[in-house]
Amino acid sequence: MKYTAIIIASAAVAFCVQAYAKAQAYMDYTDVSSIGVDAIDPYENIRDAVARQEMRAAAKATRENEAAIAEMYEQLTAAERVRGDAEAAK
């Protein structure tokens, strides 16, 4: 019984310490007045630039392979075309 009480007490203390640490971390994260907005996500502009570059590369590859894509589209069955058009419309 003595060891059970010690285990329960230590688990309660550990839970409280963890909850306090999470609350402090959340307060620090949401306190925008103490940190700059740029500090939240310093790589946001880099990710946007990479995404734009990838979209341009994909558009270029699509233009270059337009004839092959059209040929593959013509080979699809009617059901596959409907499903593919529905996916493309999303």
C-alpha atoms as a PDB file:
ATOM      1  CA  MET A   1       0.000   0.000   0.000  1.00  0.00           C
ATOM      2  CA  LYS A   2       2.882   2.309   0.848  1.00  0.00           C
ATOM      3  CA  TYR A   3       4.486   1.840  -2.582  1.00  0.00           C
ATOM      4  CA  THR A   4       1.174   2.323  -4.352  1.00  0.00           C
ATOM      5  CA  ALA A   5       0.714   5.672  -2.631  1.00  0.00           C
ATOM      6  CA  ILE A   6       4.263   6.709  -3.606  1.00  0.00           C
ATOM      7  CA  ILE A   7       3.679   5.700  -7.227  1.00  0.00           C
ATOM      8  CA  ILE A   8       0.388   7.601  -7.369  1.00  0.00           C
ATOM      9  CA  ALA A   9       1.929  10.681  -5.769  1.00  0.00           C
ATOM     10  CA  SER A  10       4.915  10.659  -8.121  1.00  0.00           C
ATOM     11  CA  ALA A  11       2.631  10.226 -11.133  1.00  0.00           C
ATOM     12  CA  ALA A  12       0.511  13.157  -9.953  1.00  0.00           C
ATOM     13  CA  VAL A  13       3.587  15.341  -9.530  1.00  0.00           C
ATOM     14  CA  ALA A  14       4.913  14.349 -12.941  1.00  0.00           C
ATOM     15  CA  PHE A  15       1.531  15.116 -14.524  1.00  0.00           C
ATOM     16  CA  CYS A  16       1.388  18.532 -12.871  1.00  0.00           C
ATOM     17  CA  VAL A  17       4.939  19.386 -13.954  1.00  0.00           C
ATOM     18  CA  GLN A  18       4.177  18.322 -17.527  1.00  0.00           C
ATOM     19  CA  ALA A  19       0.924  20.303 -17.599  1.00  0.00           C
ATOM     20  CA  TYR A  20       2.712  23.386 -16.258  1.00  0.00           C
ATOM     21  CA  ALA A  21       5.469  23.062 -18.866  1.00  0.00           C
ATOM     22  CA  LYS A  22       2.919  22.701 -21.674  1.00  0.00           C
ATOM     23  CA  ALA A  23       0.992  25.725 -20.413  1.00  0.00           C
ATOM     24  CA  GLN A  24       4.172  27.809 -20.275  1.00  0.00           C
ATOM     25  CA  ALA A  25       5.198  26.708 -23.757  1.00  0.00           C
ATOM     26  CA  TYR A  26       1.754  27.576 -25.103  1.00  0.00           C
ATOM     27  CA  MET A  27       1.865  30.986 -23.423  1.00  0.00           C
ATOM     28  CA  ASP A  28       5.303  31.673 -24.888  1.00  0.00           C
ATOM     29  CA  TYR A  29       4.169  30.539 -28.348  1.00  0.00           C
ATOM     30  CA  THR A  30       0.980  32.594 -28.393  1.00  0.00           C
ATOM     31  CA  ASP A  31       2.498  35.737 -26.868  1.00  0.00           C
ATOM     32  CA  VAL A  32       3.080  37.584 -30.134  1.00  0.00           C
ATOM     33  CA  SER A  33       3.977  40.823 -28.390  1.00  0.00           C
ATOM     34  CA  SER A  34       7.211  39.341 -27.052  1.00  0.00           C
ATOM     35  CA  ILE A  35       8.392  37.872 -30.357  1.00  0.00           C
ATOM     36  CA  GLY A  36       8.374  39.182 -33.880  1.00  0.00           C
ATOM     37  CA  VAL A  37       5.948  37.754 -36.397  1.00  0.00           C
ATOM     38  CA  ASP A  38       8.875  36.753 -38.612  1.00  0.00           C
ATOM     39  CA  ALA A  39      10.292  34.647 -35.785  1.00  0.00           C
ATOM     40  CA  ILE A  40       7.267  32.354 -35.878  1.00  0.00           C
ATOM     41  CA  ASP A  41       8.089  30.969 -39.326  1.00  0.00           C
ATOM     42  CA  PRO A  42      11.383  32.279 -40.698  1.00  0.00           C
ATOM     43  CA  TYR A  43      11.332  29.890 -43.675  1.00  0.00           C
ATOM     44  CA  GLU A  44       7.888  30.843 -44.966  1.00  0.00           C
ATOM     45  CA  ASN A  45       9.205  32.945 -47.857  1.00  0.00           C
ATOM     46  CA  ILE A  46      11.657  30.229 -48.849  1.00  0.00           C
ATOM     47  CA  ARG A  47       8.899  27.609 -48.898  1.00  0.00           C
ATOM     48  CA  ASP A  48       6.713  29.905 -51.025  1.00  0.00           C
ATOM     49  CA  ALA A  49       9.539  30.475 -53.498  1.00  0.00           C
ATOM     50  CA  VAL A  50      10.242  26.749 -53.750  1.00  0.00           C
ATOM     51  CA  ALA A  51       6.541  25.999 -54.239  1.00  0.00           C
ATOM     52  CA  ARG A  52       6.279  28.610 -57.009  1.00  0.00           C
ATOM     53  CA  GLN A  53       9.390  27.198 -58.689  1.00  0.00           C
ATOM     54  CA  GLU A  54       7.977  23.656 -58.526  1.00  0.00           C
ATOM     55  CA  MET A  55       4.648  24.815 -59.968  1.00  0.00           C
ATOM     56  CA  ARG A  56       6.445  26.564 -62.836  1.00  0.00           C
ATOM     57  CA  ALA A  57       8.486  23.413 -63.508  1.00  0.00           C
ATOM     58  CA  ALA A  58       5.334  21.270 -63.475  1.00  0.00           C
ATOM     59  CA  ALA A  59       3.537  23.665 -65.837  1.00  0.00           C
ATOM     60  CA  LYS A  60       6.534  23.619 -68.190  1.00  0.00           C
ATOM     61  CA  ALA A  61       6.657  19.809 -68.144  1.00  0.00           C
ATOM     62  CA  THR A  62       2.919  19.695 -68.852  1.00  0.00           C
ATOM     63  CA  ARG A  63       3.297  22.043 -71.822  1.00  0.00           C
ATOM     64  CA  GLU A  64       6.226  20.029 -73.172  1.00  0.00           C
ATOM     65  CA  ASN A  65       4.346  16.722 -72.858  1.00  0.00           C
ATOM     66  CA  GLU A  66       0.924  18.020 -73.887  1.00  0.00           C
ATOM     67  CA  ALA A  67       0.627  15.741 -76.930  1.00  0.00           C
ATOM     68  CA  ALA A  68       1.525  12.615 -74.946  1.00  0.00           C
ATOM     69  CA  ILE A  69      -0.904  13.594 -72.181  1.00  0.00           C
ATOM     70  CA  ALA A  70      -3.700  14.143 -74.699  1.00  0.00           C
ATOM     71  CA  GLU A  71      -2.960  10.750 -76.274  1.00  0.00           C
ATOM     72  CA  MET A  72      -3.089   8.998 -72.890  1.00  0.00           C
ATOM     73  CA  TYR A  73      -6.356  10.808 -72.090  1.00  0.00           C
ATOM     74  CA  GLU A  74      -7.912   9.547 -75.312  1.00  0.00           C
ATOM     75  CA  GLN A  75      -7.001   5.970 -74.352  1.00  0.00           C
ATOM     76  CA  LEU A  76      -8.995   6.156 -71.094  1.00  0.00           C
ATOM     77  CA  THR A  77     -12.405   4.590 -70.786  1.00  0.00           C
ATOM     78  CA  ALA A  78     -15.445   6.793 -70.187  1.00  0.00           C
ATOM     79  CA  ALA A  79     -15.595   5.899 -66.484  1.00  0.00           C
ATOM     80  CA  GLU A  80     -11.903   6.694 -66.010  1.00  0.00           C
ATOM     81  CA  ARG A  81     -12.351  10.026 -67.791  1.00  0.00           C
ATOM     82  CA  VAL A  82     -15.256  11.012 -65.545  1.00  0.00           C
ATOM     83  CA  ARG A  83     -13.333  10.049 -62.411  1.00  0.00           C
ATOM     84  CA  GLY A  84     -10.203  11.849 -63.624  1.00  0.00           C
ATOM     85  CA  ASP A  85     -12.128  14.982 -64.552  1.00  0.00           C
ATOM     86  CA  ALA A  86     -13.763  14.982 -61.121  1.00  0.00           C
ATOM     87  CA  GLU A  87     -10.337  14.713 -59.471  1.00  0.00           C
ATOM     88  CA  ALA A  88      -8.959  17.527 -61.627  1.00  0.00           C
ATOM     89  CA  ALA A  89     -11.915  19.765 -60.763  1.00  0.00           C
ATOM     90  CA  LYS A  90     -11.149  19.596 -57.008  1.00  0.00           C
END
